[in-house]
């Protein structure tokens, strides 16, 4: 089960790193490189997740999804968003069919 607290703690750490020197941490260096670099990392991790799934290596899938979530959270933080924003959206969608939810977006 997902522990939202661990994600919220990570989110706070990511927010703290936004103002840090680029040479002080990996995350600070990503922020310094800007949105394009962060998006590239998200795409890279998504591709690695897909490849792990195609290989059927369960441990590798978990490892890559963790990287994907991490970098997605960096992207959220880049725009002043957090895991809480995503959790609110998950709660909003709960009990709504995917077909209906997508149709409502227009």
PDB file of N, CA and C in Angstrom:
ATOM      1  N   UNK A   1       0.837  -1.185   0.000  1.00  0.00           N
ATOM      2  CA  UNK A   1       0.000   0.000   0.000  1.00  0.00           C
ATOM      3  C   UNK A   1       0.883   1.250   0.000  1.00  0.00           C
ATOM      4  N   UNK A   2       0.469   2.235  -0.755  1.00  0.00           N
ATOM      5  CA  UNK A   2       1.222   3.482  -0.829  1.00  0.00           C
ATOM      6  C   UNK A   2       1.062   4.246   0.481  1.00  0.00           C
ATOM      7  N   UNK A   3       2.162   4.689   1.007  1.00  0.00           N
ATOM      8  CA  UNK A   3       2.169   5.519   2.207  1.00  0.00           C
ATOM      9  C   UNK A   3       2.255   6.968   1.745  1.00  0.00           C
ATOM     10  N   UNK A   4       1.121   7.680   1.741  1.00  0.00           N
ATOM     11  CA  UNK A   4       1.180   9.062   1.248  1.00  0.00           C
ATOM     12  C   UNK A   4       2.156   9.922   2.040  1.00  0.00           C
ATOM     13  N   UNK A   5       2.431   9.545   3.290  1.00  0.00           N
ATOM     14  CA  UNK A   5       3.358  10.345   4.094  1.00  0.00           C
ATOM     15  C   UNK A   5       4.769  10.328   3.520  1.00  0.00           C
ATOM     16  N   UNK A   6       5.214   9.168   3.022  1.00  0.00           N
ATOM     17  CA  UNK A   6       6.565   9.116   2.451  1.00  0.00           C
ATOM     18  C   UNK A   6       6.628   9.981   1.189  1.00  0.00           C
ATOM     19  N   UNK A   7       5.552   9.979   0.421  1.00  0.00           N
ATOM     20  CA  UNK A   7       5.513  10.822  -0.774  1.00  0.00           C
ATOM     21  C   UNK A   7       5.455  12.301  -0.388  1.00  0.00           C
ATOM     22  N   UNK A   8       4.730  12.614   0.651  1.00  0.00           N
ATOM     23  CA  UNK A   8       4.658  14.007   1.107  1.00  0.00           C
ATOM     24  C   UNK A   8       6.002  14.478   1.654  1.00  0.00           C
ATOM     25  N   UNK A   9       6.703  13.606   2.387  1.00  0.00           N
ATOM     26  CA  UNK A   9       8.051  13.969   2.876  1.00  0.00           C
ATOM     27  C   UNK A   9       8.984  14.207   1.695  1.00  0.00           C
ATOM     28  N   UNK A  10       8.920  13.319   0.710  1.00  0.00           N
ATOM     29  CA  UNK A  10       9.749  13.501  -0.486  1.00  0.00           C
ATOM     30  C   UNK A  10       9.397  14.822  -1.164  1.00  0.00           C
ATOM     31  N   UNK A  11       8.120  15.117  -1.260  1.00  0.00           N
ATOM     32  CA  UNK A  11       7.693  16.378  -1.876  1.00  0.00           C
ATOM     33  C   UNK A  11       8.263  17.590  -1.159  1.00  0.00           C
ATOM     34  N   UNK A  12       8.282  17.532   0.162  1.00  0.00           N
ATOM     35  CA  UNK A  12       8.860  18.648   0.933  1.00  0.00           C
ATOM     36  C   UNK A  12      10.358  18.776   0.662  1.00  0.00           C
ATOM     37  N   UNK A  13      11.033  17.640   0.581  1.00  0.00           N
ATOM     38  CA  UNK A  13      12.469  17.663   0.284  1.00  0.00           C
ATOM     39  C   UNK A  13      12.709  18.246  -1.105  1.00  0.00           C
ATOM     40  N   UNK A  14      11.908  17.846  -2.064  1.00  0.00           N
ATOM     41  CA  UNK A  14      12.056  18.377  -3.424  1.00  0.00           C
ATOM     42  C   UNK A  14      11.846  19.890  -3.434  1.00  0.00           C
ATOM     43  N   UNK A  15      10.844  20.363  -2.710  1.00  0.00           N
ATOM     44  CA  UNK A  15      10.580  21.805  -2.652  1.00  0.00           C
ATOM     45  C   UNK A  15      11.756  22.549  -2.018  1.00  0.00           C
ATOM     46  N   UNK A  16      12.352  21.955  -0.990  1.00  0.00           N
ATOM     47  CA  UNK A  16      13.513  22.580  -0.338  1.00  0.00           C
ATOM     48  C   UNK A  16      14.696  22.680  -1.291  1.00  0.00           C
ATOM     49  N   UNK A  17      14.843  21.707  -2.151  1.00  0.00           N
ATOM     50  CA  UNK A  17      15.989  21.688  -3.072  1.00  0.00           C
ATOM     51  C   UNK A  17      15.848  22.684  -4.214  1.00  0.00           C
ATOM     52  N   UNK A  18      14.641  23.217  -4.429  1.00  0.00           N
ATOM     53  CA  UNK A  18      14.437  24.170  -5.523  1.00  0.00           C
ATOM     54  C   UNK A  18      15.339  25.385  -5.386  1.00  0.00           C
ATOM     55  N   UNK A  19      15.572  25.833  -4.174  1.00  0.00           N
ATOM     56  CA  UNK A  19      16.390  27.017  -3.973  1.00  0.00           C
ATOM     57  C   UNK A  19      17.848  26.728  -3.719  1.00  0.00           C
ATOM     58  N   UNK A  20      18.220  25.464  -3.771  1.00  0.00           N
ATOM     59  CA  UNK A  20      19.598  25.081  -3.447  1.00  0.00           C
ATOM     60  C   UNK A  20      20.525  25.262  -4.641  1.00  0.00           C
ATOM     61  N   UNK A  21      21.788  25.337  -4.351  1.00  0.00           N
ATOM     62  CA  UNK A  21      22.810  25.432  -5.388  1.00  0.00           C
ATOM     63  C   UNK A  21      22.799  24.173  -6.243  1.00  0.00           C
ATOM     64  N   UNK A  22      22.996  24.349  -7.545  1.00  0.00           N
ATOM     65  CA  UNK A  22      22.952  23.229  -8.484  1.00  0.00           C
ATOM     66  C   UNK A  22      23.967  22.144  -8.155  1.00  0.00           C
ATOM     67  N   UNK A  23      25.058  22.509  -7.523  1.00  0.00           N
ATOM     68  CA  UNK A  23      26.077  21.502  -7.212  1.00  0.00           C
ATOM     69  C   UNK A  23      25.859  20.833  -5.854  1.00  0.00           C
ATOM     70  N   UNK A  24      24.751  21.184  -5.177  1.00  0.00           N
ATOM     71  CA  UNK A  24      24.515  20.627  -3.846  1.00  0.00           C
ATOM     72  C   UNK A  24      23.748  19.304  -3.856  1.00  0.00           C
ATOM     73  N   UNK A  25      23.001  19.031  -4.943  1.00  0.00           N
ATOM     74  CA  UNK A  25      22.254  17.776  -5.012  1.00  0.00           C
ATOM     75  C   UNK A  25      21.839  17.500  -6.452  1.00  0.00           C
ATOM     76  N   UNK A  26      21.505  16.243  -6.693  1.00  0.00           N
ATOM     77  CA  UNK A  26      21.008  15.833  -8.016  1.00  0.00           C
ATOM     78  C   UNK A  26      19.744  16.607  -8.370  1.00  0.00           C
ATOM     79  N   UNK A  27      18.814  16.699  -7.422  1.00  0.00           N
ATOM     80  CA  UNK A  27      17.546  17.383  -7.673  1.00  0.00           C
ATOM     81  C   UNK A  27      17.776  18.862  -7.954  1.00  0.00           C
ATOM     82  N   UNK A  28      18.624  19.502  -7.167  1.00  0.00           N
ATOM     83  CA  UNK A  28      18.922  20.914  -7.405  1.00  0.00           C
ATOM     84  C   UNK A  28      19.523  21.106  -8.796  1.00  0.00           C
ATOM     85  N   UNK A  29      20.341  20.158  -9.234  1.00  0.00           N
ATOM     86  CA  UNK A  29      20.927  20.272 -10.578  1.00  0.00           C
ATOM     87  C   UNK A  29      19.863  20.108 -11.661  1.00  0.00           C
ATOM     88  N   UNK A  30      18.864  19.261 -11.420  1.00  0.00           N
ATOM     89  CA  UNK A  30      17.762  19.126 -12.385  1.00  0.00           C
ATOM     90  C   UNK A  30      16.974  20.429 -12.479  1.00  0.00           C
ATOM     91  N   UNK A  31      16.644  21.002 -11.321  1.00  0.00           N
ATOM     92  CA  UNK A  31      15.918  22.273 -11.333  1.00  0.00           C
ATOM     93  C   UNK A  31      16.710  23.341 -12.087  1.00  0.00           C
ATOM     94  N   UNK A  32      18.014  23.380 -11.885  1.00  0.00           N
ATOM     95  CA  UNK A  32      18.855  24.383 -12.542  1.00  0.00           C
ATOM     96  C   UNK A  32      18.852  24.218 -14.059  1.00  0.00           C
ATOM     97  N   UNK A  33      18.726  22.975 -14.507  1.00  0.00           N
ATOM     98  CA  UNK A  33      18.704  22.705 -15.954  1.00  0.00           C
ATOM     99  C   UNK A  33      17.370  23.078 -16.581  1.00  0.00           C
ATOM    100  N   UNK A  34      16.325  23.137 -15.772  1.00  0.00           N
ATOM    101  CA  UNK A  34      15.036  23.596 -16.263  1.00  0.00           C
ATOM    102  C   UNK A  34      14.060  22.492 -16.639  1.00  0.00           C
ATOM    103  N   UNK A  35      12.889  22.949 -17.055  1.00  0.00           N
ATOM    104  CA  UNK A  35      11.772  22.050 -17.341  1.00  0.00           C
ATOM    105  C   UNK A  35      12.098  21.035 -18.428  1.00  0.00           C
ATOM    106  N   UNK A  36      12.777  21.458 -19.492  1.00  0.00           N
ATOM    107  CA  UNK A  36      13.089  20.518 -20.569  1.00  0.00           C
ATOM    108  C   UNK A  36      13.908  19.334 -20.065  1.00  0.00           C
ATOM    109  N   UNK A  37      14.891  19.593 -19.222  1.00  0.00           N
ATOM    110  CA  UNK A  37      15.732  18.515 -18.683  1.00  0.00           C
ATOM    111  C   UNK A  37      14.920  17.598 -17.776  1.00  0.00           C
ATOM    112  N   UNK A  38      14.032  18.184 -16.987  1.00  0.00           N
ATOM    113  CA  UNK A  38      13.188  17.371 -16.107  1.00  0.00           C
ATOM    114  C   UNK A  38      12.254  16.501 -16.947  1.00  0.00           C
ATOM    115  N   UNK A  39      11.647  17.086 -17.969  1.00  0.00           N
ATOM    116  CA  UNK A  39      10.766  16.320 -18.859  1.00  0.00           C
ATOM    117  C   UNK A  39      11.526  15.187 -19.545  1.00  0.00           C
ATOM    118  N   UNK A  40      12.743  15.449 -19.948  1.00  0.00           N
ATOM    119  CA  UNK A  40      13.559  14.415 -20.574  1.00  0.00           C
ATOM    120  C   UNK A  40      13.778  13.251 -19.616  1.00  0.00           C
ATOM    121  N   UNK A  41      14.027  13.540 -18.337  1.00  0.00           N
ATOM    122  CA  UNK A  41      14.217  12.476 -17.344  1.00  0.00           C
ATOM    123  C   UNK A  41      12.929  11.679 -17.141  1.00  0.00           C
ATOM    124  N   UNK A  42      11.788  12.361 -17.119  1.00  0.00           N
ATOM    125  CA  UNK A  42      10.514  11.652 -16.975  1.00  0.00           C
ATOM    126  C   UNK A  42      10.312  10.715 -18.166  1.00  0.00           C
ATOM    127  N   UNK A  43      10.570  11.202 -19.363  1.00  0.00           N
ATOM    128  CA  UNK A  43      10.423  10.372 -20.563  1.00  0.00           C
ATOM    129  C   UNK A  43      11.386   9.189 -20.536  1.00  0.00           C
ATOM    130  N   UNK A  44      12.613   9.432 -20.124  1.00  0.00           N
ATOM    131  CA  UNK A  44      13.614   8.369 -20.033  1.00  0.00           C
ATOM    132  C   UNK A  44      13.164   7.288 -19.050  1.00  0.00           C
ATOM    133  N   UNK A  45      12.680   7.712 -17.888  1.00  0.00           N
ATOM    134  CA  UNK A  45      12.243   6.743 -16.881  1.00  0.00           C
ATOM    135  C   UNK A  45      10.997   5.997 -17.340  1.00  0.00           C
ATOM    136  N   UNK A  46      10.098   6.675 -18.073  1.00  0.00           N
ATOM    137  CA  UNK A  46       8.915   6.004 -18.614  1.00  0.00           C
ATOM    138  C   UNK A  46       9.335   4.919 -19.603  1.00  0.00           C
ATOM    139  N   UNK A  47      10.296   5.233 -20.467  1.00  0.00           N
ATOM    140  CA  UNK A  47      10.783   4.245 -21.434  1.00  0.00           C
ATOM    141  C   UNK A  47      11.446   3.069 -20.722  1.00  0.00           C
ATOM    142  N   UNK A  48      12.221   3.343 -19.681  1.00  0.00           N
ATOM    143  CA  UNK A  48      12.870   2.268 -18.935  1.00  0.00           C
ATOM    144  C   UNK A  48      11.839   1.403 -18.204  1.00  0.00           C
ATOM    145  N   UNK A  49      10.755   2.015 -17.747  1.00  0.00           N
ATOM    146  CA  UNK A  49       9.673   1.262 -17.113  1.00  0.00           C
ATOM    147  C   UNK A  49       9.024   0.327 -18.126  1.00  0.00           C
ATOM    148  N   UNK A  50       8.784   0.826 -19.307  1.00  0.00           N
ATOM    149  CA  UNK A  50       8.190   0.012 -20.364  1.00  0.00           C
ATOM    150  C   UNK A  50       9.098  -1.170 -20.705  1.00  0.00           C
ATOM    151  N   UNK A  51      10.381  -0.905 -20.835  1.00  0.00           N
ATOM    152  CA  UNK A  51      11.319  -1.988 -21.172  1.00  0.00           C
ATOM    153  C   UNK A  51      11.376  -3.033 -20.056  1.00  0.00           C
ATOM    154  N   UNK A  52      11.349  -2.608 -18.819  1.00  0.00           N
ATOM    155  CA  UNK A  52      11.353  -3.553 -17.692  1.00  0.00           C
ATOM    156  C   UNK A  52      10.090  -4.407 -17.729  1.00  0.00           C
ATOM    157  N   UNK A  53       8.964  -3.780 -18.050  1.00  0.00           N
ATOM    158  CA  UNK A  53       7.704  -4.529 -18.135  1.00  0.00           C
ATOM    159  C   UNK A  53       7.756  -5.544 -19.269  1.00  0.00           C
ATOM    160  N   UNK A  54       8.305  -5.138 -20.401  1.00  0.00           N
ATOM    161  CA  UNK A  54       8.418  -6.064 -21.534  1.00  0.00           C
ATOM    162  C   UNK A  54       9.326  -7.239 -21.196  1.00  0.00           C
ATOM    163  N   UNK A  55      10.331  -7.000 -20.365  1.00  0.00           N
ATOM    164  CA  UNK A  55      11.235  -8.072 -19.940  1.00  0.00           C
ATOM    165  C   UNK A  55      10.602  -8.967 -18.879  1.00  0.00           C
ATOM    166  N   UNK A  56       9.557  -8.462 -18.212  1.00  0.00           N
ATOM    167  CA  UNK A  56       8.871  -9.244 -17.193  1.00  0.00           C
ATOM    168  C   UNK A  56       9.630  -9.394 -15.887  1.00  0.00           C
ATOM    169  N   UNK A  57      10.622  -8.534 -15.677  1.00  0.00           N
ATOM    170  CA  UNK A  57      11.430  -8.592 -14.457  1.00  0.00           C
ATOM    171  C   UNK A  57      10.745  -7.742 -13.392  1.00  0.00           C
ATOM    172  N   UNK A  58      10.056  -8.409 -12.463  1.00  0.00           N
ATOM    173  CA  UNK A  58       9.218  -7.699 -11.497  1.00  0.00           C
ATOM    174  C   UNK A  58      10.002  -6.718 -10.633  1.00  0.00           C
ATOM    175  N   UNK A  59      11.159  -7.141 -10.164  1.00  0.00           N
ATOM    176  CA  UNK A  59      11.966  -6.244  -9.328  1.00  0.00           C
ATOM    177  C   UNK A  59      12.412  -5.014 -10.121  1.00  0.00           C
ATOM    178  N   UNK A  60      12.791  -5.236 -11.366  1.00  0.00           N
ATOM    179  CA  UNK A  60      13.225  -4.129 -12.219  1.00  0.00           C
ATOM    180  C   UNK A  60      12.058  -3.183 -12.515  1.00  0.00           C
ATOM    181  N   UNK A  61      10.848  -3.730 -12.685  1.00  0.00           N
ATOM    182  CA  UNK A  61       9.670  -2.888 -12.907  1.00  0.00           C
ATOM    183  C   UNK A  61       9.483  -1.951 -11.716  1.00  0.00           C
ATOM    184  N   UNK A  62       9.550  -2.491 -10.510  1.00  0.00           N
ATOM    185  CA  UNK A  62       9.370  -1.674  -9.309  1.00  0.00           C
ATOM    186  C   UNK A  62      10.450  -0.600  -9.237  1.00  0.00           C
ATOM    187  N   UNK A  63      11.690  -0.972  -9.527  1.00  0.00           N
ATOM    188  CA  UNK A  63      12.799  -0.026  -9.498  1.00  0.00           C
ATOM    189  C   UNK A  63      12.545   1.130 -10.476  1.00  0.00           C
ATOM    190  N   UNK A  64      12.139   0.779 -11.699  1.00  0.00           N
ATOM    191  CA  UNK A  64      11.934   1.815 -12.723  1.00  0.00           C
ATOM    192  C   UNK A  64      10.700   2.662 -12.439  1.00  0.00           C
ATOM    193  N   UNK A  65       9.627   2.064 -11.924  1.00  0.00           N
ATOM    194  CA  UNK A  65       8.448   2.853 -11.577  1.00  0.00           C
ATOM    195  C   UNK A  65       8.791   3.833 -10.452  1.00  0.00           C
ATOM    196  N   UNK A  66       9.621   3.389  -9.517  1.00  0.00           N
ATOM    197  CA  UNK A  66      10.062   4.297  -8.450  1.00  0.00           C
ATOM    198  C   UNK A  66      10.802   5.486  -9.046  1.00  0.00           C
ATOM    199  N   UNK A  67      11.702   5.229  -9.990  1.00  0.00           N
ATOM    200  CA  UNK A  67      12.406   6.327 -10.665  1.00  0.00           C
ATOM    201  C   UNK A  67      11.426   7.231 -11.411  1.00  0.00           C
ATOM    202  N   UNK A  68      10.442   6.624 -12.065  1.00  0.00           N
ATOM    203  CA  UNK A  68       9.445   7.397 -12.813  1.00  0.00           C
ATOM    204  C   UNK A  68       8.628   8.279 -11.882  1.00  0.00           C
ATOM    205  N   UNK A  69       8.169   7.724 -10.771  1.00  0.00           N
ATOM    206  CA  UNK A  69       7.405   8.524  -9.803  1.00  0.00           C
ATOM    207  C   UNK A  69       8.265   9.641  -9.252  1.00  0.00           C
ATOM    208  N   UNK A  70       9.512   9.322  -8.911  1.00  0.00           N
ATOM    209  CA  UNK A  70      10.415  10.333  -8.360  1.00  0.00           C
ATOM    210  C   UNK A  70      10.552  11.512  -9.324  1.00  0.00           C
ATOM    211  N   UNK A  71      10.874  11.216 -10.565  1.00  0.00           N
ATOM    212  CA  UNK A  71      11.091  12.290 -11.528  1.00  0.00           C
ATOM    213  C   UNK A  71       9.788  13.013 -11.866  1.00  0.00           C
ATOM    214  N   UNK A  72       8.675  12.302 -11.822  1.00  0.00           N
ATOM    215  CA  UNK A  72       7.372  12.952 -12.007  1.00  0.00           C
ATOM    216  C   UNK A  72       7.106  13.922 -10.868  1.00  0.00           C
ATOM    217  N   UNK A  73       7.516  13.550  -9.659  1.00  0.00           N
ATOM    218  CA  UNK A  73       7.356  14.455  -8.522  1.00  0.00           C
ATOM    219  C   UNK A  73       8.258  15.678  -8.654  1.00  0.00           C
ATOM    220  N   UNK A  74       9.445  15.501  -9.210  1.00  0.00           N
ATOM    221  CA  UNK A  74      10.316  16.655  -9.478  1.00  0.00           C
ATOM    222  C   UNK A  74       9.607  17.587 -10.460  1.00  0.00           C
ATOM    223  N   UNK A  75       8.993  17.011 -11.487  1.00  0.00           N
ATOM    224  CA  UNK A  75       8.266  17.813 -12.468  1.00  0.00           C
ATOM    225  C   UNK A  75       7.092  18.553 -11.817  1.00  0.00           C
ATOM    226  N   UNK A  76       6.332  17.862 -10.977  1.00  0.00           N
ATOM    227  CA  UNK A  76       5.250  18.530 -10.250  1.00  0.00           C
ATOM    228  C   UNK A  76       5.789  19.713  -9.453  1.00  0.00           C
ATOM    229  N   UNK A  77       6.849  19.466  -8.720  1.00  0.00           N
ATOM    230  CA  UNK A  77       7.439  20.506  -7.877  1.00  0.00           C
ATOM    231  C   UNK A  77       7.927  21.685  -8.709  1.00  0.00           C
ATOM    232  N   UNK A  78       8.432  21.417  -9.891  1.00  0.00           N
ATOM    233  CA  UNK A  78       8.897  22.479 -10.786  1.00  0.00           C
ATOM    234  C   UNK A  78       7.783  23.495 -11.036  1.00  0.00           C
ATOM    235  N   UNK A  79       6.538  22.998 -11.039  1.00  0.00           N
ATOM    236  CA  UNK A  79       5.390  23.865 -11.311  1.00  0.00           C
ATOM    237  C   UNK A  79       4.609  24.239 -10.052  1.00  0.00           C
ATOM    238  N   UNK A  80       5.223  24.008  -8.890  1.00  0.00           N
ATOM    239  CA  UNK A  80       4.571  24.378  -7.638  1.00  0.00           C
ATOM    240  C   UNK A  80       3.454  23.433  -7.233  1.00  0.00           C
ATOM    241  N   UNK A  81       3.432  22.252  -7.825  1.00  0.00           N
ATOM    242  CA  UNK A  81       2.429  21.242  -7.500  1.00  0.00           C
ATOM    243  C   UNK A  81       3.048  20.186  -6.597  1.00  0.00           C
ATOM    244  N   UNK A  82       2.195  19.334  -6.032  1.00  0.00           N
ATOM    245  CA  UNK A  82       2.698  18.306  -5.123  1.00  0.00           C
ATOM    246  C   UNK A  82       1.929  17.006  -5.303  1.00  0.00           C
ATOM    247  N   UNK A  83       2.386  16.001  -4.586  1.00  0.00           N
ATOM    248  CA  UNK A  83       1.701  14.712  -4.595  1.00  0.00           C
ATOM    249  C   UNK A  83       0.268  14.886  -4.091  1.00  0.00           C
ATOM    250  N   UNK A  84       0.031  15.839  -3.218  1.00  0.00           N
ATOM    251  CA  UNK A  84      -1.321  16.080  -2.728  1.00  0.00           C
ATOM    252  C   UNK A  84      -2.263  16.466  -3.865  1.00  0.00           C
ATOM    253  N   UNK A  85      -1.772  17.243  -4.829  1.00  0.00           N
ATOM    254  CA  UNK A  85      -2.595  17.609  -5.984  1.00  0.00           C
ATOM    255  C   UNK A  85      -2.992  16.369  -6.778  1.00  0.00           C
ATOM    256  N   UNK A  86      -2.067  15.440  -6.921  1.00  0.00           N
ATOM    257  CA  UNK A  86      -2.353  14.201  -7.647  1.00  0.00           C
ATOM    258  C   UNK A  86      -3.319  13.330  -6.843  1.00  0.00           C
ATOM    259  N   UNK A  87      -3.119  13.248  -5.531  1.00  0.00           N
ATOM    260  CA  UNK A  87      -4.013  12.447  -4.691  1.00  0.00           C
ATOM    261  C   UNK A  87      -5.441  12.999  -4.723  1.00  0.00           C
ATOM    262  N   UNK A  88      -5.582  14.317  -4.736  1.00  0.00           N
ATOM    263  CA  UNK A  88      -6.909  14.928  -4.842  1.00  0.00           C
ATOM    264  C   UNK A  88      -7.568  14.502  -6.147  1.00  0.00           C
ATOM    265  N   UNK A  89      -6.797  14.492  -7.220  1.00  0.00           N
ATOM    266  CA  UNK A  89      -7.353  14.098  -8.518  1.00  0.00           C
ATOM    267  C   UNK A  89      -7.724  12.612  -8.532  1.00  0.00           C
ATOM    268  N   UNK A  90      -6.887  11.768  -7.915  1.00  0.00           N
ATOM    269  CA  UNK A  90      -7.242  10.354  -7.809  1.00  0.00           C
ATOM    270  C   UNK A  90      -8.554  10.191  -7.041  1.00  0.00           C
ATOM    271  N   UNK A  91      -8.691  10.934  -5.949  1.00  0.00           N
ATOM    272  CA  UNK A  91      -9.930  10.844  -5.158  1.00  0.00           C
ATOM    273  C   UNK A  91     -11.131  11.313  -5.981  1.00  0.00           C
ATOM    274  N   UNK A  92     -10.952  12.360  -6.759  1.00  0.00           N
ATOM    275  CA  UNK A  92     -12.039  12.865  -7.608  1.00  0.00           C
ATOM    276  C   UNK A  92     -12.472  11.803  -8.611  1.00  0.00           C
ATOM    277  N   UNK A  93     -11.503  11.075  -9.150  1.00  0.00           N
ATOM    278  CA  UNK A  93     -11.807  10.076 -10.173  1.00  0.00           C
ATOM    279  C   UNK A  93     -12.307   8.749  -9.610  1.00  0.00           C
ATOM    280  N   UNK A  94     -12.143   8.551  -8.320  1.00  0.00           N
ATOM    281  CA  UNK A  94     -12.538   7.288  -7.710  1.00  0.00           C
ATOM    282  C   UNK A  94     -14.024   7.023  -7.962  1.00  0.00           C
ATOM    283  N   UNK A  95     -14.320   5.829  -8.464  1.00  0.00           N
ATOM    284  CA  UNK A  95     -15.699   5.435  -8.722  1.00  0.00           C
ATOM    285  C   UNK A  95     -16.250   5.915 -10.047  1.00  0.00           C
ATOM    286  N   UNK A  96     -15.437   6.625 -10.822  1.00  0.00           N
ATOM    287  CA  UNK A  96     -15.864   7.094 -12.145  1.00  0.00           C
ATOM    288  C   UNK A  96     -15.189   6.199 -13.180  1.00  0.00           C
ATOM    289  N   UNK A  97     -15.970   5.715 -14.131  1.00  0.00           N
ATOM    290  CA  UNK A  97     -15.357   4.869 -15.157  1.00  0.00           C
ATOM    291  C   UNK A  97     -14.356   5.684 -15.962  1.00  0.00           C
ATOM    292  N   UNK A  98     -13.315   5.028 -16.420  1.00  0.00           N
ATOM    293  CA  UNK A  98     -12.301   5.696 -17.228  1.00  0.00           C
ATOM    294  C   UNK A  98     -12.882   6.296 -18.490  1.00  0.00           C
ATOM    295  N   UNK A  99     -13.843   5.619 -19.077  1.00  0.00           N
ATOM    296  CA  UNK A  99     -14.487   6.114 -20.296  1.00  0.00           C
ATOM    297  C   UNK A  99     -15.241   7.409 -19.989  1.00  0.00           C
ATOM    298  N   UNK A 100     -16.005   7.410 -18.900  1.00  0.00           N
ATOM    299  CA  UNK A 100     -16.771   8.611 -18.527  1.00  0.00           C
ATOM    300  C   UNK A 100     -15.847   9.762 -18.149  1.00  0.00           C
ATOM    301  N   UNK A 101     -14.783   9.456 -17.410  1.00  0.00           N
ATOM    302  CA  UNK A 101     -13.851  10.503 -16.975  1.00  0.00           C
ATOM    303  C   UNK A 101     -13.177  11.148 -18.179  1.00  0.00           C
ATOM    304  N   UNK A 102     -12.749  10.331 -19.119  1.00  0.00           N
ATOM    305  CA  UNK A 102     -12.081  10.873 -20.314  1.00  0.00           C
ATOM    306  C   UNK A 102     -13.061  11.702 -21.154  1.00  0.00           C
ATOM    307  N   UNK A 103     -14.287  11.247 -21.277  1.00  0.00           N
ATOM    308  CA  UNK A 103     -15.307  11.978 -22.057  1.00  0.00           C
ATOM    309  C   UNK A 103     -15.604  13.332 -21.415  1.00  0.00           C
ATOM    310  N   UNK A 104     -15.557  13.397 -20.091  1.00  0.00           N
ATOM    311  CA  UNK A 104     -15.854  14.653 -19.389  1.00  0.00           C
ATOM    312  C   UNK A 104     -14.784  15.703 -19.639  1.00  0.00           C
ATOM    313  N   UNK A 105     -13.567  15.247 -19.986  1.00  0.00           N
ATOM    314  CA  UNK A 105     -12.479  16.203 -20.258  1.00  0.00           C
ATOM    315  C   UNK A 105     -12.664  16.893 -21.590  1.00  0.00           C
ATOM    316  N   UNK A 106     -13.488  16.308 -22.471  1.00  0.00           N
ATOM    317  CA  UNK A 106     -13.743  16.924 -23.778  1.00  0.00           C
ATOM    318  C   UNK A 106     -12.693  16.604 -24.693  1.00  0.00           C
TER     319      UNK A 106
END
